[in-house]
Amino acid sequence: MRKRRQFIVNKKLQFQYVSFAIVPLIVGAAFVYYLIYLMTMNQMAIPEIILYYLVPAMRRTNEVLMVIAPLALIGLFVATVLASHRLAGPLHRLDRELHRVASGDYSVRITFRKGDELSSLAHSLNSVLDVLEQKSKEA
């Protein structure tokens, strides 16, 4: 089978999948960053001598993170779209094939690409289709 060229096949499902992966990471990172910020800006929590060395180091770290964080976020987005594609693609194909079955074409067999999820579901549906096709020939 050919590889799919379209990576967004079910926008709603894939957007939910990507959101489920990325939003908690962004919220968690923002929360940790905020806690560190509060801790360093409250001079009562950390002695001044430690702040003298810590604040410049944190500023340099922030400068690096301003470059790395967006790149990491883009990489995470691409990875989650590709991962969601492995699920959304087979579901899209399954939906198309089941519409053909609903129209009375029992000769349809559901096949997925190597590495796609839901292979066992395709095998089970193909067994059901074998029985339906056999019964339609007998009738």
N, C-alpha and C. Protein backbone atom coordinates (compact mmCIF):
# COMPACT_ATOMS: atom_id res chain seq x y z
N MET A 1 0.82 -1.19 0.00
CA MET A 1 0.00 0.00 0.00
C MET A 1 0.87 1.25 0.00
N ARG A 2 0.35 2.29 -0.62
CA ARG A 2 1.05 3.57 -0.65
C ARG A 2 0.97 4.26 0.70
N LYS A 3 1.93 5.12 0.93
CA LYS A 3 1.88 5.94 2.14
C LYS A 3 0.88 7.06 1.93
N ARG A 4 0.23 7.44 3.00
CA ARG A 4 -0.68 8.57 2.92
C ARG A 4 0.11 9.85 2.73
N ARG A 5 -0.36 10.70 1.86
CA ARG A 5 0.31 11.97 1.64
C ARG A 5 -0.34 13.07 2.45
N GLN A 6 -1.55 12.86 2.84
CA GLN A 6 -2.29 13.86 3.62
C GLN A 6 -2.23 13.45 5.09
N PHE A 7 -1.61 14.29 5.91
CA PHE A 7 -1.43 13.93 7.31
C PHE A 7 -2.59 14.37 8.18
N ILE A 8 -3.38 15.33 7.73
CA ILE A 8 -4.56 15.75 8.48
C ILE A 8 -5.77 15.18 7.75
N VAL A 9 -6.30 14.06 8.26
CA VAL A 9 -7.44 13.41 7.61
C VAL A 9 -8.72 13.58 8.42
N ASN A 10 -8.58 13.82 9.70
CA ASN A 10 -9.74 14.03 10.57
C ASN A 10 -9.36 15.17 11.52
N LYS A 11 -9.64 16.39 11.08
CA LYS A 11 -9.18 17.58 11.80
C LYS A 11 -9.62 17.59 13.25
N LYS A 12 -10.87 17.27 13.50
CA LYS A 12 -11.38 17.33 14.88
C LYS A 12 -10.65 16.34 15.79
N LEU A 13 -10.56 15.09 15.36
CA LEU A 13 -9.90 14.07 16.17
C LEU A 13 -8.43 14.41 16.37
N GLN A 14 -7.75 14.79 15.31
CA GLN A 14 -6.34 15.06 15.41
C GLN A 14 -6.06 16.32 16.23
N PHE A 15 -6.92 17.34 16.13
CA PHE A 15 -6.75 18.53 16.95
C PHE A 15 -6.91 18.19 18.43
N GLN A 16 -7.89 17.35 18.75
CA GLN A 16 -8.08 16.94 20.15
C GLN A 16 -6.87 16.17 20.65
N TYR A 17 -6.32 15.30 19.80
CA TYR A 17 -5.15 14.50 20.16
C TYR A 17 -3.95 15.41 20.42
N VAL A 18 -3.72 16.35 19.52
CA VAL A 18 -2.60 17.28 19.66
C VAL A 18 -2.80 18.15 20.91
N SER A 19 -4.00 18.64 21.11
CA SER A 19 -4.29 19.46 22.29
C SER A 19 -4.07 18.67 23.57
N PHE A 20 -4.48 17.41 23.56
CA PHE A 20 -4.33 16.56 24.73
C PHE A 20 -2.85 16.37 25.07
N ALA A 21 -1.99 16.37 24.06
CA ALA A 21 -0.57 16.17 24.31
C ALA A 21 0.16 17.46 24.65
N ILE A 22 -0.19 18.54 23.99
CA ILE A 22 0.59 19.77 24.11
C ILE A 22 0.12 20.68 25.25
N VAL A 23 -1.17 20.85 25.43
CA VAL A 23 -1.68 21.81 26.42
C VAL A 23 -1.20 21.50 27.84
N PRO A 24 -1.27 20.25 28.31
CA PRO A 24 -0.76 20.00 29.67
C PRO A 24 0.73 20.30 29.81
N LEU A 25 1.51 20.07 28.77
CA LEU A 25 2.93 20.39 28.85
C LEU A 25 3.16 21.89 28.95
N ILE A 26 2.42 22.66 28.18
CA ILE A 26 2.58 24.12 28.22
C ILE A 26 2.13 24.65 29.58
N VAL A 27 1.00 24.18 30.06
CA VAL A 27 0.49 24.65 31.36
C VAL A 27 1.46 24.25 32.48
N GLY A 28 1.94 23.03 32.45
CA GLY A 28 2.89 22.57 33.48
C GLY A 28 4.18 23.35 33.45
N ALA A 29 4.72 23.59 32.26
CA ALA A 29 5.97 24.35 32.15
C ALA A 29 5.76 25.78 32.63
N ALA A 30 4.64 26.39 32.28
CA ALA A 30 4.36 27.76 32.72
C ALA A 30 4.23 27.82 34.24
N PHE A 31 3.60 26.83 34.83
CA PHE A 31 3.43 26.79 36.28
C PHE A 31 4.78 26.66 36.99
N VAL A 32 5.62 25.76 36.51
CA VAL A 32 6.95 25.58 37.11
C VAL A 32 7.78 26.86 36.96
N TYR A 33 7.73 27.45 35.77
CA TYR A 33 8.47 28.69 35.54
C TYR A 33 7.98 29.78 36.49
N TYR A 34 6.68 29.88 36.66
CA TYR A 34 6.11 30.89 37.56
C TYR A 34 6.55 30.65 39.00
N LEU A 35 6.56 29.40 39.43
CA LEU A 35 7.00 29.10 40.79
C LEU A 35 8.47 29.48 41.00
N ILE A 36 9.29 29.19 40.02
CA ILE A 36 10.71 29.57 40.13
C ILE A 36 10.85 31.08 40.16
N TYR A 37 10.07 31.76 39.33
CA TYR A 37 10.10 33.22 39.30
C TYR A 37 9.70 33.79 40.66
N LEU A 38 8.62 33.28 41.24
CA LEU A 38 8.18 33.77 42.56
C LEU A 38 9.24 33.53 43.62
N MET A 39 9.85 32.35 43.57
CA MET A 39 10.84 32.00 44.57
C MET A 39 12.07 32.91 44.49
N THR A 40 12.49 33.24 43.28
CA THR A 40 13.69 34.07 43.15
C THR A 40 13.40 35.55 43.38
N MET A 41 12.19 35.98 43.09
CA MET A 41 11.89 37.39 43.28
C MET A 41 11.53 37.73 44.73
N ASN A 42 11.20 36.73 45.50
CA ASN A 42 10.91 36.94 46.92
C ASN A 42 12.22 36.77 47.68
N GLN A 43 12.87 37.87 48.01
CA GLN A 43 14.20 37.80 48.60
C GLN A 43 14.22 37.19 49.99
N MET A 44 13.05 37.05 50.59
CA MET A 44 13.01 36.44 51.91
C MET A 44 13.18 34.93 51.82
N ALA A 45 12.82 34.35 50.68
CA ALA A 45 12.91 32.90 50.54
C ALA A 45 14.34 32.45 50.25
N ILE A 46 15.12 33.31 49.58
CA ILE A 46 16.49 32.95 49.20
C ILE A 46 17.42 34.05 49.69
N PRO A 47 18.51 33.68 50.32
CA PRO A 47 19.47 34.70 50.79
C PRO A 47 20.01 35.53 49.62
N GLU A 48 20.34 36.78 49.90
CA GLU A 48 20.76 37.72 48.85
C GLU A 48 22.03 37.27 48.14
N ILE A 49 22.93 36.64 48.83
CA ILE A 49 24.18 36.20 48.20
C ILE A 49 23.91 35.14 47.13
N ILE A 50 22.92 34.28 47.39
CA ILE A 50 22.55 33.26 46.39
C ILE A 50 21.87 33.93 45.21
N LEU A 51 21.00 34.91 45.48
CA LEU A 51 20.34 35.64 44.40
C LEU A 51 21.35 36.36 43.52
N TYR A 52 22.44 36.85 44.12
CA TYR A 52 23.46 37.57 43.37
C TYR A 52 24.01 36.70 42.23
N TYR A 53 24.15 35.41 42.47
CA TYR A 53 24.66 34.50 41.44
C TYR A 53 23.53 33.84 40.64
N LEU A 54 22.39 33.66 41.26
CA LEU A 54 21.29 32.94 40.63
C LEU A 54 20.57 33.77 39.57
N VAL A 55 20.33 35.05 39.83
CA VAL A 55 19.56 35.87 38.89
C VAL A 55 20.25 35.99 37.53
N PRO A 56 21.56 36.27 37.45
CA PRO A 56 22.20 36.32 36.12
C PRO A 56 22.13 34.96 35.40
N ALA A 57 22.29 33.89 36.14
CA ALA A 57 22.21 32.57 35.52
C ALA A 57 20.80 32.31 34.99
N MET A 58 19.80 32.73 35.74
CA MET A 58 18.43 32.54 35.29
C MET A 58 18.13 33.40 34.07
N ARG A 59 18.71 34.59 34.01
CA ARG A 59 18.51 35.44 32.82
C ARG A 59 19.11 34.78 31.58
N ARG A 60 20.30 34.23 31.72
CA ARG A 60 20.91 33.53 30.58
C ARG A 60 20.08 32.31 30.19
N THR A 61 19.59 31.60 31.19
CA THR A 61 18.74 30.45 30.92
C THR A 61 17.47 30.87 30.19
N ASN A 62 16.88 31.97 30.59
CA ASN A 62 15.67 32.47 29.92
C ASN A 62 15.96 32.82 28.47
N GLU A 63 17.12 33.42 28.20
CA GLU A 63 17.47 33.75 26.82
C GLU A 63 17.58 32.50 25.96
N VAL A 64 18.16 31.46 26.50
CA VAL A 64 18.28 30.20 25.77
C VAL A 64 16.91 29.57 25.58
N LEU A 65 16.10 29.61 26.62
CA LEU A 65 14.76 29.02 26.53
C LEU A 65 13.87 29.74 25.53
N MET A 66 14.10 31.04 25.33
CA MET A 66 13.31 31.79 24.35
C MET A 66 13.53 31.25 22.94
N VAL A 67 14.67 30.65 22.70
CA VAL A 67 14.95 30.05 21.40
C VAL A 67 14.53 28.58 21.37
N ILE A 68 14.88 27.86 22.41
CA ILE A 68 14.66 26.41 22.43
C ILE A 68 13.18 26.06 22.61
N ALA A 69 12.47 26.76 23.46
CA ALA A 69 11.07 26.40 23.75
C ALA A 69 10.19 26.44 22.50
N PRO A 70 10.24 27.48 21.66
CA PRO A 70 9.41 27.44 20.45
C PRO A 70 9.80 26.30 19.50
N LEU A 71 11.10 26.04 19.40
CA LEU A 71 11.54 24.93 18.54
C LEU A 71 11.04 23.58 19.08
N ALA A 72 11.12 23.42 20.39
CA ALA A 72 10.63 22.19 21.01
C ALA A 72 9.12 22.06 20.83
N LEU A 73 8.41 23.16 20.94
CA LEU A 73 6.96 23.14 20.76
C LEU A 73 6.58 22.76 19.33
N ILE A 74 7.31 23.30 18.37
CA ILE A 74 7.07 22.94 16.97
C ILE A 74 7.35 21.46 16.74
N GLY A 75 8.46 20.98 17.29
CA GLY A 75 8.79 19.56 17.17
C GLY A 75 7.74 18.67 17.82
N LEU A 76 7.26 19.06 18.98
CA LEU A 76 6.21 18.31 19.65
C LEU A 76 4.92 18.31 18.84
N PHE A 77 4.58 19.45 18.25
CA PHE A 77 3.39 19.54 17.41
C PHE A 77 3.49 18.59 16.23
N VAL A 78 4.62 18.59 15.55
CA VAL A 78 4.81 17.71 14.39
C VAL A 78 4.73 16.25 14.83
N ALA A 79 5.36 15.92 15.94
CA ALA A 79 5.34 14.53 16.43
C ALA A 79 3.93 14.09 16.79
N THR A 80 3.15 14.95 17.42
CA THR A 80 1.79 14.54 17.79
C THR A 80 0.87 14.46 16.57
N VAL A 81 1.09 15.31 15.57
CA VAL A 81 0.30 15.20 14.34
C VAL A 81 0.61 13.86 13.66
N LEU A 82 1.89 13.51 13.59
CA LEU A 82 2.26 12.22 12.98
C LEU A 82 1.70 11.04 13.77
N ALA A 83 1.75 11.14 15.09
CA ALA A 83 1.21 10.05 15.92
C ALA A 83 -0.31 9.96 15.77
N SER A 84 -0.98 11.11 15.73
CA SER A 84 -2.43 11.08 15.58
C SER A 84 -2.83 10.58 14.19
N HIS A 85 -1.96 10.81 13.23
CA HIS A 85 -2.21 10.34 11.86
C HIS A 85 -2.28 8.81 11.81
N ARG A 86 -1.50 8.15 12.65
CA ARG A 86 -1.51 6.68 12.68
C ARG A 86 -2.84 6.12 13.19
N LEU A 87 -3.60 6.94 13.91
CA LEU A 87 -4.91 6.52 14.38
C LEU A 87 -6.02 7.09 13.50
N ALA A 88 -5.91 8.37 13.16
CA ALA A 88 -6.97 9.03 12.38
C ALA A 88 -7.03 8.48 10.96
N GLY A 89 -5.89 8.14 10.38
CA GLY A 89 -5.87 7.59 9.02
C GLY A 89 -6.66 6.30 8.91
N PRO A 90 -6.37 5.31 9.76
CA PRO A 90 -7.16 4.08 9.71
C PRO A 90 -8.65 4.30 10.00
N LEU A 91 -8.97 5.20 10.92
CA LEU A 91 -10.38 5.48 11.20
C LEU A 91 -11.07 6.09 9.98
N HIS A 92 -10.37 6.96 9.28
CA HIS A 92 -10.91 7.58 8.07
C HIS A 92 -11.17 6.51 6.99
N ARG A 93 -10.19 5.63 6.81
CA ARG A 93 -10.34 4.56 5.83
C ARG A 93 -11.46 3.60 6.23
N LEU A 94 -11.53 3.27 7.50
CA LEU A 94 -12.58 2.39 8.01
C LEU A 94 -13.95 3.00 7.75
N ASP A 95 -14.09 4.28 7.98
CA ASP A 95 -15.36 4.97 7.73
C ASP A 95 -15.75 4.87 6.25
N ARG A 96 -14.81 5.11 5.36
CA ARG A 96 -15.08 5.02 3.91
C ARG A 96 -15.51 3.62 3.51
N GLU A 97 -14.79 2.62 3.99
CA GLU A 97 -15.08 1.23 3.60
C GLU A 97 -16.42 0.77 4.17
N LEU A 98 -16.74 1.18 5.39
CA LEU A 98 -18.01 0.77 5.98
C LEU A 98 -19.20 1.42 5.27
N HIS A 99 -19.00 2.60 4.70
CA HIS A 99 -20.07 3.21 3.88
C HIS A 99 -20.32 2.36 2.63
N ARG A 100 -19.26 1.81 2.08
CA ARG A 100 -19.43 0.92 0.92
C ARG A 100 -20.18 -0.35 1.33
N VAL A 101 -19.85 -0.88 2.50
CA VAL A 101 -20.55 -2.08 2.99
C VAL A 101 -22.02 -1.76 3.23
N ALA A 102 -22.30 -0.59 3.80
CA ALA A 102 -23.68 -0.19 4.07
C ALA A 102 -24.50 -0.09 2.79
N SER A 103 -23.82 0.21 1.68
CA SER A 103 -24.55 0.30 0.41
C SER A 103 -24.75 -1.08 -0.22
N GLY A 104 -24.27 -2.13 0.43
CA GLY A 104 -24.52 -3.50 -0.03
C GLY A 104 -23.34 -4.20 -0.66
N ASP A 105 -22.19 -3.57 -0.69
CA ASP A 105 -20.99 -4.18 -1.27
C ASP A 105 -20.25 -4.96 -0.18
N TYR A 106 -20.54 -6.27 -0.10
CA TYR A 106 -19.93 -7.11 0.94
C TYR A 106 -18.57 -7.65 0.51
N SER A 107 -18.14 -7.34 -0.70
CA SER A 107 -16.83 -7.82 -1.16
C SER A 107 -15.69 -6.94 -0.65
N VAL A 108 -16.03 -5.85 0.01
CA VAL A 108 -15.02 -4.94 0.55
C VAL A 108 -14.21 -5.65 1.62
N ARG A 109 -12.89 -5.46 1.60
CA ARG A 109 -12.03 -5.95 2.68
C ARG A 109 -11.23 -4.76 3.18
N ILE A 110 -11.13 -4.67 4.46
CA ILE A 110 -10.48 -3.52 5.09
C ILE A 110 -9.03 -3.86 5.36
N THR A 111 -8.16 -3.08 4.77
CA THR A 111 -6.72 -3.26 4.99
C THR A 111 -6.12 -1.93 5.41
N PHE A 112 -5.15 -2.02 6.29
CA PHE A 112 -4.45 -0.83 6.74
C PHE A 112 -2.98 -0.95 6.37
N ARG A 113 -2.30 0.15 6.38
CA ARG A 113 -0.87 0.18 6.08
C ARG A 113 -0.09 -0.40 7.25
N LYS A 114 1.10 -0.85 6.94
CA LYS A 114 1.97 -1.40 7.98
C LYS A 114 2.24 -0.32 9.03
N GLY A 115 2.10 -0.66 10.28
CA GLY A 115 2.34 0.27 11.36
C GLY A 115 1.11 1.04 11.82
N ASP A 116 0.01 0.95 11.06
CA ASP A 116 -1.21 1.64 11.47
C ASP A 116 -1.83 0.91 12.65
N GLU A 117 -2.56 1.68 13.43
CA GLU A 117 -3.29 1.09 14.56
C GLU A 117 -4.57 0.42 14.06
N LEU A 118 -5.22 -0.31 14.91
CA LEU A 118 -6.53 -0.93 14.65
C LEU A 118 -6.49 -2.11 13.69
N SER A 119 -5.34 -2.76 13.51
CA SER A 119 -5.24 -3.91 12.62
C SER A 119 -6.16 -5.04 13.07
N SER A 120 -6.25 -5.26 14.37
CA SER A 120 -7.09 -6.35 14.87
C SER A 120 -8.57 -6.07 14.58
N LEU A 121 -8.96 -4.81 14.65
CA LEU A 121 -10.33 -4.43 14.31
C LEU A 121 -10.61 -4.72 12.83
N ALA A 122 -9.67 -4.41 11.97
CA ALA A 122 -9.83 -4.69 10.54
C ALA A 122 -9.97 -6.18 10.30
N HIS A 123 -9.17 -6.97 10.99
CA HIS A 123 -9.25 -8.43 10.84
C HIS A 123 -10.63 -8.94 11.28
N SER A 124 -11.13 -8.45 12.41
CA SER A 124 -12.45 -8.87 12.89
C SER A 124 -13.56 -8.45 11.93
N LEU A 125 -13.49 -7.23 11.44
CA LEU A 125 -14.51 -6.77 10.49
C LEU A 125 -14.45 -7.57 9.18
N ASN A 126 -13.27 -7.93 8.75
CA ASN A 126 -13.16 -8.74 7.55
C ASN A 126 -13.78 -10.12 7.76
N SER A 127 -13.69 -10.67 8.96
CA SER A 127 -14.34 -11.94 9.26
C SER A 127 -15.86 -11.79 9.17
N VAL A 128 -16.38 -10.69 9.71
CA VAL A 128 -17.81 -10.43 9.63
C VAL A 128 -18.23 -10.26 8.16
N LEU A 129 -17.42 -9.55 7.40
CA LEU A 129 -17.73 -9.35 5.98
C LEU A 129 -17.70 -10.67 5.20
N ASP A 130 -16.82 -11.59 5.59
CA ASP A 130 -16.79 -12.92 4.95
C ASP A 130 -18.13 -13.62 5.15
N VAL A 131 -18.63 -13.59 6.38
CA VAL A 131 -19.91 -14.23 6.70
C VAL A 131 -21.04 -13.55 5.94
N LEU A 132 -21.07 -12.22 5.93
CA LEU A 132 -22.12 -11.49 5.22
C LEU A 132 -22.08 -11.77 3.71
N GLU A 133 -20.91 -11.82 3.15
CA GLU A 133 -20.79 -12.08 1.73
C GLU A 133 -21.25 -13.51 1.40
N GLN A 134 -20.90 -14.45 2.26
CA GLN A 134 -21.32 -15.83 2.05
C GLN A 134 -22.84 -15.94 2.13
N LYS A 135 -23.44 -15.28 3.12
CA LYS A 135 -24.90 -15.34 3.27
C LYS A 135 -25.61 -14.65 2.11
N SER A 136 -25.02 -13.57 1.60
CA SER A 136 -25.67 -12.87 0.47
C SER A 136 -25.60 -13.72 -0.81
N LYS A 137 -24.57 -14.54 -0.93
CA LYS A 137 -24.46 -15.43 -2.11
C LYS A 137 -25.44 -16.58 -2.00
N GLU A 138 -25.69 -17.06 -0.76
CA GLU A 138 -26.61 -18.17 -0.55
C GLU A 138 -28.06 -17.73 -0.79
N ALA A 139 -28.35 -16.46 -0.53
CA ALA A 139 -29.73 -15.99 -0.63
C ALA A 139 -30.18 -15.74 -2.04
